[in-house]
Structures are given as structure tokens and as C-alpha cells.
Amino acid sequence: MDPGNKQASTGIGKLVEKYGFLADRALKKEDEKNARIYIERGLRIRPDDTSLLARLTHLDELEAARLAPPPPPEPVELPQPKPEPKPVVNTSLQLLESLE
């Protein structure tokens, strides 16, 4: 493309914007696969487009969050069992004294 051709540059800009719009619409529908396709097509036309690069980063973050293992569960503190009272053991002498 001739860098001085304003009409071509404007057309490319509009096309890149359209791919960004399509990617946003796909993301709203939770269609990450097509969103990525639209972003990559736009980046083939204009590889340094900051808007598309930002969308790609966002999409990568969404995918990483979805694929990440879930966090471990919070530790649960189990109630401690109450100690059982010791049984009363009467000695023979105590038994004899209780009979008096």
C-alpha cells in the first residue's frame, strides 16, 4: 500500500475497526473462539493496532482465568471433641466407708 494514499489508509482503518466491533460482539455472546478469529484477522491487516492488541490481551486473560485450576478450599476448623469425664473408680476402702 502506498503510505500516502489516504483513501486506502482510511479504508484499512475502517476495516480494522469493524473487526474490533465484531470481536466485541462475539465476546458479549461469550464466543471467545470467534472473537479471537476477528482480532487475529484485524491484526493481519494492522499488526500494531493498539485497540486490537488490547482486546487480544483481554481475551488471553479471560482464557487463562477459565483454564486456571480453582483455588483450594478454605480450611474448615472442625470442632474439637470435649474430653469425656474420667469414670469414678471407688476403691474397696471407699466402698466400705460408703456402706457405714
Protein backbone atom coordinates (compact mmCIF):
# COMPACT_ATOMS: atom_id res chain seq x y z
CA MET A 1 0.00 0.00 0.00
CA ASP A 2 1.18 3.49 -0.81
CA PRO A 3 1.69 5.25 2.57
CA GLY A 4 0.48 8.48 1.04
CA ASN A 5 -2.82 7.01 -0.11
CA LYS A 6 -5.24 8.48 2.42
CA GLN A 7 -8.22 6.69 0.95
CA ALA A 8 -6.56 3.28 1.35
CA SER A 9 -5.39 4.16 4.87
CA THR A 10 -8.91 5.23 5.84
CA GLY A 11 -10.36 2.03 4.37
CA ILE A 12 -7.91 -0.10 6.30
CA GLY A 13 -8.70 1.80 9.49
CA LYS A 14 -12.42 1.18 8.99
CA LEU A 15 -11.81 -2.50 8.32
CA VAL A 16 -9.71 -2.86 11.47
CA GLU A 17 -12.43 -1.07 13.48
CA LYS A 18 -15.02 -3.45 12.04
CA TYR A 19 -13.00 -6.46 13.17
CA GLY A 20 -12.75 -4.89 16.62
CA PHE A 21 -16.52 -4.37 16.68
CA LEU A 22 -17.13 -7.98 15.60
CA ALA A 23 -14.73 -9.23 18.28
CA ASP A 24 -16.54 -7.18 20.95
CA ARG A 25 -19.89 -8.52 19.82
CA ALA A 26 -18.60 -12.09 19.93
CA LEU A 27 -17.23 -11.53 23.45
CA LYS A 28 -20.60 -10.24 24.63
CA LYS A 29 -22.04 -13.56 23.43
CA GLU A 30 -19.20 -15.35 25.28
CA ASP A 31 -17.94 -16.62 21.93
CA GLU A 32 -14.22 -16.39 22.60
CA LYS A 33 -13.30 -18.53 19.60
CA ASN A 34 -14.81 -16.14 17.04
CA ALA A 35 -13.63 -13.09 18.98
CA ARG A 36 -10.07 -14.38 18.65
CA ILE A 37 -10.58 -15.03 14.93
CA TYR A 38 -11.77 -11.45 14.34
CA ILE A 39 -8.92 -9.97 16.37
CA GLU A 40 -6.32 -12.04 14.54
CA ARG A 41 -7.76 -11.07 11.15
CA GLY A 42 -7.60 -7.41 12.10
CA LEU A 43 -4.02 -7.79 13.32
CA ARG A 44 -3.03 -9.34 9.98
CA ILE A 45 -4.11 -6.07 8.37
CA ARG A 46 -2.61 -3.77 11.01
CA PRO A 47 -0.29 -5.72 13.36
CA ASP A 48 0.44 -2.76 15.62
CA ASP A 49 -3.18 -1.70 16.22
CA THR A 50 -3.30 -0.92 19.95
CA SER A 51 -7.04 -1.43 20.18
CA LEU A 52 -6.87 -4.94 18.75
CA LEU A 53 -3.78 -5.76 20.81
CA ALA A 54 -5.62 -4.68 23.97
CA ARG A 55 -8.58 -6.88 23.01
CA LEU A 56 -6.22 -9.80 22.42
CA THR A 57 -4.63 -9.30 25.85
CA HIS A 58 -8.08 -9.20 27.44
CA LEU A 59 -9.08 -12.36 25.61
CA ASP A 60 -5.89 -14.11 26.71
CA GLU A 61 -6.62 -13.13 30.34
CA LEU A 62 -10.16 -14.48 30.09
CA GLU A 63 -8.88 -17.75 28.70
CA ALA A 64 -6.17 -18.05 31.35
CA ALA A 65 -8.71 -17.43 34.12
CA ARG A 66 -11.04 -20.05 32.68
CA LEU A 67 -8.27 -22.64 32.37
CA ALA A 68 -6.68 -21.94 35.74
CA PRO A 69 -7.29 -24.52 38.44
CA PRO A 70 -9.79 -23.48 41.06
CA PRO A 71 -8.35 -22.10 44.27
CA PRO A 72 -8.04 -24.56 47.14
CA PRO A 73 -10.96 -24.56 49.54
CA GLU A 74 -10.70 -22.55 52.70
CA PRO A 75 -9.62 -24.67 55.64
CA VAL A 76 -12.52 -25.67 57.82
CA GLU A 77 -11.96 -25.78 61.53
CA LEU A 78 -13.57 -28.87 62.92
CA PRO A 79 -14.99 -28.64 66.43
CA GLN A 80 -12.77 -30.30 68.96
CA PRO A 81 -14.44 -33.12 70.84
CA LYS A 82 -14.98 -32.45 74.51
CA PRO A 83 -12.92 -34.70 76.71
CA GLU A 84 -15.03 -37.33 78.38
CA PRO A 85 -15.06 -37.19 82.15
CA LYS A 86 -12.98 -39.81 83.79
CA PRO A 87 -15.08 -42.51 85.40
CA VAL A 88 -15.13 -42.52 89.16
CA VAL A 89 -13.34 -45.56 90.45
CA ASN A 90 -14.08 -46.40 94.02
CA THR A 91 -11.53 -48.26 95.94
CA SER A 92 -12.52 -51.06 98.22
CA LEU A 93 -11.96 -48.83 101.24
CA GLN A 94 -14.22 -46.13 99.79
CA LEU A 95 -16.92 -48.71 99.16
CA LEU A 96 -16.72 -49.97 102.75
CA GLU A 97 -16.86 -46.43 104.12
CA SER A 98 -19.90 -45.64 101.98
CA LEU A 99 -21.75 -48.58 103.49
CA GLU A 100 -21.39 -47.26 107.03
